[in-house]
Amino acid sequence: MRIDLFLKVTGLLKTRSIASKAIGAGAVELNGSKAKASSSVEIGSVISLIKPDGARTTVKVLLVPRSKNVSRKDRSSLYTVIDVDEEVACL
């Protein structure tokens, strides 16, 4: 699954366009390197992103959904939060 779609499906970012803009601005890393919107997310991938509120969140992918629609209650089972740093400067 593309990283921009994964960020939207999991609710880490609200929309796919916001995810694409964040990726374009360099605010998203996949496995330690800057991501492209078309980068593929796999089980075990580590995603680090700076959210619009300025907090840096690092997550590990536990499951990649087969569909573009995931219920809100099931979203948190797709990843685990490794680290949250709320003192990162906003982009």
PDB file of N, CA and C in Angstrom:
ATOM      1  N   MET A   1       0.849  -1.170   0.000  1.00  0.00           N
ATOM      2  CA  MET A   1       0.000   0.000   0.000  1.00  0.00           C
ATOM      3  C   MET A   1       0.900   1.241   0.000  1.00  0.00           C
ATOM      4  N   ARG A   2       0.487   2.261  -0.749  1.00  0.00           N
ATOM      5  CA  ARG A   2       1.228   3.521  -0.800  1.00  0.00           C
ATOM      6  C   ARG A   2       1.217   4.192   0.576  1.00  0.00           C
ATOM      7  N   ILE A   3       2.299   4.904   0.894  1.00  0.00           N
ATOM      8  CA  ILE A   3       2.402   5.519   2.214  1.00  0.00           C
ATOM      9  C   ILE A   3       1.370   6.630   2.403  1.00  0.00           C
ATOM     10  N   ASP A   4       1.064   7.394   1.361  1.00  0.00           N
ATOM     11  CA  ASP A   4       0.071   8.458   1.522  1.00  0.00           C
ATOM     12  C   ASP A   4      -1.304   7.878   1.851  1.00  0.00           C
ATOM     13  N   LEU A   5      -1.643   6.777   1.240  1.00  0.00           N
ATOM     14  CA  LEU A   5      -2.913   6.113   1.523  1.00  0.00           C
ATOM     15  C   LEU A   5      -2.892   5.471   2.913  1.00  0.00           C
ATOM     16  N   PHE A   6      -1.775   4.867   3.296  1.00  0.00           N
ATOM     17  CA  PHE A   6      -1.660   4.248   4.620  1.00  0.00           C
ATOM     18  C   PHE A   6      -1.859   5.296   5.717  1.00  0.00           C
ATOM     19  N   LEU A   7      -1.242   6.472   5.568  1.00  0.00           N
ATOM     20  CA  LEU A   7      -1.384   7.525   6.574  1.00  0.00           C
ATOM     21  C   LEU A   7      -2.835   7.970   6.706  1.00  0.00           C
ATOM     22  N   LYS A   8      -3.565   8.014   5.599  1.00  0.00           N
ATOM     23  CA  LYS A   8      -4.974   8.396   5.626  1.00  0.00           C
ATOM     24  C   LYS A   8      -5.833   7.297   6.236  1.00  0.00           C
ATOM     25  N   VAL A   9      -5.623   6.047   5.802  1.00  0.00           N
ATOM     26  CA  VAL A   9      -6.431   4.919   6.269  1.00  0.00           C
ATOM     27  C   VAL A   9      -6.281   4.714   7.776  1.00  0.00           C
ATOM     28  N   THR A  10      -5.072   4.891   8.291  1.00  0.00           N
ATOM     29  CA  THR A  10      -4.829   4.684   9.717  1.00  0.00           C
ATOM     30  C   THR A  10      -5.274   5.863  10.573  1.00  0.00           C
ATOM     31  N   GLY A  11      -5.548   6.999   9.942  1.00  0.00           N
ATOM     32  CA  GLY A  11      -5.945   8.175  10.696  1.00  0.00           C
ATOM     33  C   GLY A  11      -4.780   8.955  11.264  1.00  0.00           C
ATOM     34  N   LEU A  12      -3.554   8.585  10.906  1.00  0.00           N
ATOM     35  CA  LEU A  12      -2.402   9.350  11.374  1.00  0.00           C
ATOM     36  C   LEU A  12      -2.437  10.765  10.811  1.00  0.00           C
ATOM     37  N   LEU A  13      -2.906  10.904   9.589  1.00  0.00           N
ATOM     38  CA  LEU A  13      -3.185  12.210   8.993  1.00  0.00           C
ATOM     39  C   LEU A  13      -4.610  12.157   8.458  1.00  0.00           C
ATOM     40  N   LYS A  14      -5.286  13.292   8.485  1.00  0.00           N
ATOM     41  CA  LYS A  14      -6.723  13.310   8.237  1.00  0.00           C
ATOM     42  C   LYS A  14      -7.133  12.942   6.807  1.00  0.00           C
ATOM     43  N   THR A  15      -6.410  13.452   5.815  1.00  0.00           N
ATOM     44  CA  THR A  15      -6.771  13.169   4.435  1.00  0.00           C
ATOM     45  C   THR A  15      -5.538  12.755   3.634  1.00  0.00           C
ATOM     46  N   ARG A  16      -5.786  12.187   2.474  1.00  0.00           N
ATOM     47  CA  ARG A  16      -4.690  11.768   1.603  1.00  0.00           C
ATOM     48  C   ARG A  16      -3.958  12.984   1.043  1.00  0.00           C
ATOM     49  N   SER A  17      -4.668  14.072   0.795  1.00  0.00           N
ATOM     50  CA  SER A  17      -4.000  15.266   0.273  1.00  0.00           C
ATOM     51  C   SER A  17      -3.092  15.887   1.328  1.00  0.00           C
ATOM     52  N   ILE A  18      -3.506  15.871   2.589  1.00  0.00           N
ATOM     53  CA  ILE A  18      -2.636  16.348   3.667  1.00  0.00           C
ATOM     54  C   ILE A  18      -1.409  15.453   3.765  1.00  0.00           C
ATOM     55  N   ALA A  19      -1.601  14.155   3.628  1.00  0.00           N
ATOM     56  CA  ALA A  19      -0.479  13.217   3.666  1.00  0.00           C
ATOM     57  C   ALA A  19       0.489  13.488   2.513  1.00  0.00           C
ATOM     58  N   SER A  20      -0.036  13.725   1.324  1.00  0.00           N
ATOM     59  CA  SER A  20       0.813  14.013   0.162  1.00  0.00           C
ATOM     60  C   SER A  20       1.595  15.305   0.347  1.00  0.00           C
ATOM     61  N   LYS A  21       0.948  16.325   0.914  1.00  0.00           N
ATOM     62  CA  LYS A  21       1.631  17.599   1.170  1.00  0.00           C
ATOM     63  C   LYS A  21       2.729  17.422   2.211  1.00  0.00           C
ATOM     64  N   ALA A  22       2.463  16.653   3.261  1.00  0.00           N
ATOM     65  CA  ALA A  22       3.464  16.406   4.297  1.00  0.00           C
ATOM     66  C   ALA A  22       4.656  15.651   3.716  1.00  0.00           C
ATOM     67  N   ILE A  23       4.385  14.680   2.863  1.00  0.00           N
ATOM     68  CA  ILE A  23       5.457  13.913   2.221  1.00  0.00           C
ATOM     69  C   ILE A  23       6.275  14.833   1.325  1.00  0.00           C
ATOM     70  N   GLY A  24       5.600  15.675   0.544  1.00  0.00           N
ATOM     71  CA  GLY A  24       6.289  16.617  -0.335  1.00  0.00           C
ATOM     72  C   GLY A  24       7.139  17.624   0.417  1.00  0.00           C
ATOM     73  N   ALA A  25       6.725  17.972   1.626  1.00  0.00           N
ATOM     74  CA  ALA A  25       7.472  18.923   2.452  1.00  0.00           C
ATOM     75  C   ALA A  25       8.620  18.265   3.203  1.00  0.00           C
ATOM     76  N   GLY A  26       8.736  16.957   3.089  1.00  0.00           N
ATOM     77  CA  GLY A  26       9.820  16.247   3.769  1.00  0.00           C
ATOM     78  C   GLY A  26       9.524  15.920   5.215  1.00  0.00           C
ATOM     79  N   ALA A  27       8.268  15.958   5.617  1.00  0.00           N
ATOM     80  CA  ALA A  27       7.887  15.708   7.009  1.00  0.00           C
ATOM     81  C   ALA A  27       7.627  14.235   7.299  1.00  0.00           C
ATOM     82  N   VAL A  28       7.810  13.364   6.308  1.00  0.00           N
ATOM     83  CA  VAL A  28       7.552  11.937   6.493  1.00  0.00           C
ATOM     84  C   VAL A  28       8.781  11.136   6.082  1.00  0.00           C
ATOM     85  N   GLU A  29       9.212  10.244   6.965  1.00  0.00           N
ATOM     86  CA  GLU A  29      10.313   9.337   6.675  1.00  0.00           C
ATOM     87  C   GLU A  29       9.811   7.903   6.755  1.00  0.00           C
ATOM     88  N   LEU A  30      10.310   7.084   5.853  1.00  0.00           N
ATOM     89  CA  LEU A  30       9.979   5.662   5.835  1.00  0.00           C
ATOM     90  C   LEU A  30      11.279   4.894   5.974  1.00  0.00           C
ATOM     91  N   ASN A  31      11.409   4.149   7.057  1.00  0.00           N
ATOM     92  CA  ASN A  31      12.609   3.362   7.344  1.00  0.00           C
ATOM     93  C   ASN A  31      13.879   4.207   7.304  1.00  0.00           C
ATOM     94  N   GLY A  32      13.799   5.433   7.857  1.00  0.00           N
ATOM     95  CA  GLY A  32      14.972   6.277   8.002  1.00  0.00           C
ATOM     96  C   GLY A  32      15.318   7.160   6.822  1.00  0.00           C
ATOM     97  N   SER A  33      14.581   7.088   5.728  1.00  0.00           N
ATOM     98  CA  SER A  33      14.857   7.972   4.591  1.00  0.00           C
ATOM     99  C   SER A  33      13.573   8.676   4.176  1.00  0.00           C
ATOM    100  N   LYS A  34      13.721   9.833   3.518  1.00  0.00           N
ATOM    101  CA  LYS A  34      12.543  10.600   3.116  1.00  0.00           C
ATOM    102  C   LYS A  34      11.671   9.780   2.189  1.00  0.00           C
ATOM    103  N   ALA A  35      10.385   9.849   2.448  1.00  0.00           N
ATOM    104  CA  ALA A  35       9.420   9.060   1.681  1.00  0.00           C
ATOM    105  C   ALA A  35       8.931   9.825   0.459  1.00  0.00           C
ATOM    106  N   LYS A  36       8.499   9.083  -0.524  1.00  0.00           N
ATOM    107  CA  LYS A  36       7.766   9.625  -1.665  1.00  0.00           C
ATOM    108  C   LYS A  36       6.333   9.139  -1.491  1.00  0.00           C
ATOM    109  N   ALA A  37       5.376   9.832  -2.087  1.00  0.00           N
ATOM    110  CA  ALA A  37       3.966   9.458  -1.930  1.00  0.00           C
ATOM    111  C   ALA A  37       3.703   8.036  -2.412  1.00  0.00           C
ATOM    112  N   SER A  38       4.494   7.584  -3.376  1.00  0.00           N
ATOM    113  CA  SER A  38       4.298   6.248  -3.930  1.00  0.00           C
ATOM    114  C   SER A  38       5.101   5.172  -3.210  1.00  0.00           C
ATOM    115  N   SER A  39       5.851   5.556  -2.165  1.00  0.00           N
ATOM    116  CA  SER A  39       6.638   4.567  -1.420  1.00  0.00           C
ATOM    117  C   SER A  39       5.714   3.503  -0.847  1.00  0.00           C
ATOM    118  N   SER A  40       6.181   2.267  -0.879  1.00  0.00           N
ATOM    119  CA  SER A  40       5.363   1.144  -0.438  1.00  0.00           C
ATOM    120  C   SER A  40       5.584   0.849   1.047  1.00  0.00           C
ATOM    121  N   VAL A  41       4.488   0.696   1.777  1.00  0.00           N
ATOM    122  CA  VAL A  41       4.528   0.359   3.197  1.00  0.00           C
ATOM    123  C   VAL A  41       4.340  -1.147   3.339  1.00  0.00           C
ATOM    124  N   GLU A  42       5.194  -1.767   4.142  1.00  0.00           N
ATOM    125  CA  GLU A  42       5.106  -3.201   4.393  1.00  0.00           C
ATOM    126  C   GLU A  42       5.077  -3.447   5.892  1.00  0.00           C
ATOM    127  N   ILE A  43       4.719  -4.651   6.283  1.00  0.00           N
ATOM    128  CA  ILE A  43       4.734  -5.017   7.699  1.00  0.00           C
ATOM    129  C   ILE A  43       6.162  -4.867   8.215  1.00  0.00           C
ATOM    130  N   GLY A  44       6.314  -4.201   9.347  1.00  0.00           N
ATOM    131  CA  GLY A  44       7.625  -3.973   9.934  1.00  0.00           C
ATOM    132  C   GLY A  44       8.243  -2.640   9.557  1.00  0.00           C
ATOM    133  N   SER A  45       7.653  -1.916   8.613  1.00  0.00           N
ATOM    134  CA  SER A  45       8.164  -0.598   8.225  1.00  0.00           C
ATOM    135  C   SER A  45       8.034   0.370   9.397  1.00  0.00           C
ATOM    136  N   VAL A  46       8.987   1.299   9.486  1.00  0.00           N
ATOM    137  CA  VAL A  46       8.954   2.331  10.521  1.00  0.00           C
ATOM    138  C   VAL A  46       8.701   3.667   9.832  1.00  0.00           C
ATOM    139  N   ILE A  47       7.654   4.343  10.273  1.00  0.00           N
ATOM    140  CA  ILE A  47       7.261   5.631   9.697  1.00  0.00           C
ATOM    141  C   ILE A  47       7.418   6.704  10.764  1.00  0.00           C
ATOM    142  N   SER A  48       8.119   7.769  10.397  1.00  0.00           N
ATOM    143  CA  SER A  48       8.284   8.911  11.285  1.00  0.00           C
ATOM    144  C   SER A  48       7.690  10.122  10.583  1.00  0.00           C
ATOM    145  N   LEU A  49       6.776  10.828  11.250  1.00  0.00           N
ATOM    146  CA  LEU A  49       6.161  11.981  10.609  1.00  0.00           C
ATOM    147  C   LEU A  49       6.001  13.125  11.583  1.00  0.00           C
ATOM    148  N   ILE A  50       6.049  14.327  11.022  1.00  0.00           N
ATOM    149  CA  ILE A  50       5.775  15.525  11.795  1.00  0.00           C
ATOM    150  C   ILE A  50       4.357  15.937  11.442  1.00  0.00           C
ATOM    151  N   LYS A  51       3.483  15.893  12.440  1.00  0.00           N
ATOM    152  CA  LYS A  51       2.073  16.223  12.223  1.00  0.00           C
ATOM    153  C   LYS A  51       1.896  17.734  12.116  1.00  0.00           C
ATOM    154  N   PRO A  52       0.749  18.185  11.602  1.00  0.00           N
ATOM    155  CA  PRO A  52       0.511  19.628  11.464  1.00  0.00           C
ATOM    156  C   PRO A  52       0.642  20.410  12.777  1.00  0.00           C
ATOM    157  N   ASP A  53       0.419  19.763  13.924  1.00  0.00           N
ATOM    158  CA  ASP A  53       0.558  20.457  15.212  1.00  0.00           C
ATOM    159  C   ASP A  53       2.009  20.529  15.677  1.00  0.00           C
ATOM    160  N   GLY A  54       2.942  19.961  14.909  1.00  0.00           N
ATOM    161  CA  GLY A  54       4.361  20.044  15.224  1.00  0.00           C
ATOM    162  C   GLY A  54       4.919  18.856  15.970  1.00  0.00           C
ATOM    163  N   ALA A  55       4.083  17.916  16.371  1.00  0.00           N
ATOM    164  CA  ALA A  55       4.556  16.749  17.105  1.00  0.00           C
ATOM    165  C   ALA A  55       5.130  15.708  16.140  1.00  0.00           C
ATOM    166  N   ARG A  56       6.291  15.152  16.500  1.00  0.00           N
ATOM    167  CA  ARG A  56       6.881  14.076  15.708  1.00  0.00           C
ATOM    168  C   ARG A  56       6.407  12.746  16.293  1.00  0.00           C
ATOM    169  N   THR A  57       5.845  11.915  15.436  1.00  0.00           N
ATOM    170  CA  THR A  57       5.348  10.605  15.840  1.00  0.00           C
ATOM    171  C   THR A  57       6.072   9.541  15.035  1.00  0.00           C
ATOM    172  N   THR A  58       6.521   8.503  15.703  1.00  0.00           N
ATOM    173  CA  THR A  58       7.168   7.383  15.039  1.00  0.00           C
ATOM    174  C   THR A  58       6.349   6.132  15.324  1.00  0.00           C
ATOM    175  N   VAL A  59       5.970   5.420  14.252  1.00  0.00           N
ATOM    176  CA  VAL A  59       5.152   4.220  14.393  1.00  0.00           C
ATOM    177  C   VAL A  59       5.778   3.062  13.630  1.00  0.00           C
ATOM    178  N   LYS A  60       5.459   1.849  14.067  1.00  0.00           N
ATOM    179  CA  LYS A  60       5.876   0.641  13.374  1.00  0.00           C
ATOM    180  C   LYS A  60       4.618  -0.022  12.821  1.00  0.00           C
ATOM    181  N   VAL A  61       4.668  -0.397  11.554  1.00  0.00           N
ATOM    182  CA  VAL A  61       3.522  -0.995  10.883  1.00  0.00           C
ATOM    183  C   VAL A  61       3.372  -2.453  11.316  1.00  0.00           C
ATOM    184  N   LEU A  62       2.200  -2.805  11.840  1.00  0.00           N
ATOM    185  CA  LEU A  62       1.917  -4.172  12.269  1.00  0.00           C
ATOM    186  C   LEU A  62       1.127  -4.941  11.223  1.00  0.00           C
ATOM    187  N   LEU A  63       0.296  -4.207  10.468  1.00  0.00           N
ATOM    188  CA  LEU A  63      -0.575  -4.840   9.488  1.00  0.00           C
ATOM    189  C   LEU A  63      -0.901  -3.831   8.396  1.00  0.00           C
ATOM    190  N   VAL A  64      -0.854  -4.282   7.156  1.00  0.00           N
ATOM    191  CA  VAL A  64      -1.221  -3.435   6.022  1.00  0.00           C
ATOM    192  C   VAL A  64      -2.614  -3.863   5.573  1.00  0.00           C
ATOM    193  N   PRO A  65      -3.590  -2.953   5.618  1.00  0.00           N
ATOM    194  CA  PRO A  65      -4.958  -3.329   5.246  1.00  0.00           C
ATOM    195  C   PRO A  65      -5.076  -3.644   3.758  1.00  0.00           C
ATOM    196  N   ARG A  66      -6.014  -4.515   3.440  1.00  0.00           N
ATOM    197  CA  ARG A  66      -6.248  -4.888   2.040  1.00  0.00           C
ATOM    198  C   ARG A  66      -7.157  -3.890   1.332  1.00  0.00           C
ATOM    199  N   SER A  67      -7.958  -3.165   2.099  1.00  0.00           N
ATOM    200  CA  SER A  67      -8.890  -2.219   1.487  1.00  0.00           C
ATOM    201  C   SER A  67      -8.565  -0.797   1.928  1.00  0.00           C
ATOM    202  N   LYS A  68      -9.204   0.153   1.277  1.00  0.00           N
ATOM    203  CA  LYS A  68      -9.000   1.562   1.590  1.00  0.00           C
ATOM    204  C   LYS A  68      -9.889   2.025   2.733  1.00  0.00           C
ATOM    205  N   ASN A  69     -10.782   1.163   3.186  1.00  0.00           N
ATOM    206  CA  ASN A  69     -11.699   1.520   4.258  1.00  0.00           C
ATOM    207  C   ASN A  69     -11.456   0.638   5.470  1.00  0.00           C
ATOM    208  N   VAL A  70     -11.117   1.281   6.576  1.00  0.00           N
ATOM    209  CA  VAL A  70     -10.888   0.582   7.840  1.00  0.00           C
ATOM    210  C   VAL A  70     -11.697   1.305   8.902  1.00  0.00           C
ATOM    211  N   SER A  71     -12.410   0.560   9.715  1.00  0.00           N
ATOM    212  CA  SER A  71     -13.227   1.193  10.753  1.00  0.00           C
ATOM    213  C   SER A  71     -12.334   1.892  11.777  1.00  0.00           C
ATOM    214  N   ARG A  72     -12.877   2.905  12.400  1.00  0.00           N
ATOM    215  CA  ARG A  72     -12.100   3.679  13.377  1.00  0.00           C
ATOM    216  C   ARG A  72     -11.581   2.812  14.514  1.00  0.00           C
ATOM    217  N   LYS A  73     -12.372   1.858  14.953  1.00  0.00           N
ATOM    218  CA  LYS A  73     -11.944   1.025  16.077  1.00  0.00           C
ATOM    219  C   LYS A  73     -10.813   0.072  15.698  1.00  0.00           C
ATOM    220  N   ASP A  74     -10.684  -0.258  14.408  1.00  0.00           N
ATOM    221  CA  ASP A  74      -9.638  -1.175  13.957  1.00  0.00           C
ATOM    222  C   ASP A  74      -8.351  -0.476  13.523  1.00  0.00           C
ATOM    223  N   ARG A  75      -8.384   0.835  13.387  1.00  0.00           N
ATOM    224  CA  ARG A  75      -7.215   1.574  12.911  1.00  0.00           C
ATOM    225  C   ARG A  75      -5.992   1.395  13.795  1.00  0.00           C
ATOM    226  N   SER A  76      -6.183   1.421  15.098  1.00  0.00           N
ATOM    227  CA  SER A  76      -5.044   1.342  16.012  1.00  0.00           C
ATOM    228  C   SER A  76      -4.362  -0.016  15.993  1.00  0.00           C
ATOM    229  N   SER A  77      -5.013  -1.031  15.446  1.00  0.00           N
ATOM    230  CA  SER A  77      -4.387  -2.355  15.371  1.00  0.00           C
ATOM    231  C   SER A  77      -3.439  -2.475  14.174  1.00  0.00           C
ATOM    232  N   LEU A  78      -3.403  -1.455  13.314  1.00  0.00           N
ATOM    233  CA  LEU A  78      -2.544  -1.495  12.131  1.00  0.00           C
ATOM    234  C   LEU A  78      -1.110  -1.062  12.423  1.00  0.00           C
ATOM    235  N   TYR A  79      -0.911  -0.347  13.531  1.00  0.00           N
ATOM    236  CA  TYR A  79       0.425   0.154  13.869  1.00  0.00           C
ATOM    237  C   TYR A  79       0.586   0.253  15.383  1.00  0.00           C
ATOM    238  N   THR A  80       1.829   0.381  15.807  1.00  0.00           N
ATOM    239  CA  THR A  80       2.112   0.646  17.213  1.00  0.00           C
ATOM    240  C   THR A  80       2.992   1.885  17.288  1.00  0.00           C
ATOM    241  N   VAL A  81       2.714   2.749  18.241  1.00  0.00           N
ATOM    242  CA  VAL A  81       3.480   3.977  18.405  1.00  0.00           C
ATOM    243  C   VAL A  81       4.779   3.648  19.123  1.00  0.00           C
ATOM    244  N   ILE A  82       5.883   4.017  18.504  1.00  0.00           N
ATOM    245  CA  ILE A  82       7.200   3.787  19.090  1.00  0.00           C
ATOM    246  C   ILE A  82       7.628   4.986  19.921  1.00  0.00           C
ATOM    247  N   ASP A  83       7.390   6.200  19.373  1.00  0.00           N
ATOM    248  CA  ASP A  83       7.858   7.403  20.045  1.00  0.00           C
ATOM    249  C   ASP A  83       6.992   8.596  19.646  1.00  0.00           C
ATOM    250  N   VAL A  84       6.779   9.507  20.597  1.00  0.00           N
ATOM    251  CA  VAL A  84       6.086  10.765  20.328  1.00  0.00           C
ATOM    252  C   VAL A  84       6.926  11.874  20.938  1.00  0.00           C
ATOM    253  N   ASP A  85       7.304  12.848  20.118  1.00  0.00           N
ATOM    254  CA  ASP A  85       8.091  13.991  20.580  1.00  0.00           C
ATOM    255  C   ASP A  85       7.307  15.245  20.236  1.00  0.00           C
ATOM    256  N   GLU A  86       6.786  15.919  21.251  1.00  0.00           N
ATOM    257  CA  GLU A  86       5.926  17.080  21.018  1.00  0.00           C
ATOM    258  C   GLU A  86       6.697  18.388  20.950  1.00  0.00           C
ATOM    259  N   GLU A  87       8.025  18.349  21.026  1.00  0.00           N
ATOM    260  CA  GLU A  87       8.808  19.571  21.039  1.00  0.00           C
ATOM    261  C   GLU A  87       9.533  19.846  19.733  1.00  0.00           C
ATOM    262  N   VAL A  88       9.043  19.295  18.622  1.00  0.00           N
ATOM    263  CA  VAL A  88       9.648  19.533  17.315  1.00  0.00           C
ATOM    264  C   VAL A  88       9.081  20.814  16.747  1.00  0.00           C
ATOM    265  N   ALA A  89       9.919  21.620  16.125  1.00  0.00           N
ATOM    266  CA  ALA A  89       9.470  22.889  15.527  1.00  0.00           C
ATOM    267  C   ALA A  89       8.530  22.599  14.358  1.00  0.00           C
ATOM    268  N   CYS A  90       7.534  23.433  14.172  1.00  0.00           N
ATOM    269  CA  CYS A  90       6.585  23.283  13.069  1.00  0.00           C
ATOM    270  C   CYS A  90       7.265  23.598  11.746  1.00  0.00           C
ATOM    271  N   LEU A  91       6.764  22.957  10.677  1.00  0.00           N
ATOM    272  CA  LEU A  91       7.292  23.228   9.340  1.00  0.00           C
ATOM    273  C   LEU A  91       6.685  24.487   8.777  1.00  0.00           C
TER     274      LEU A  91
END
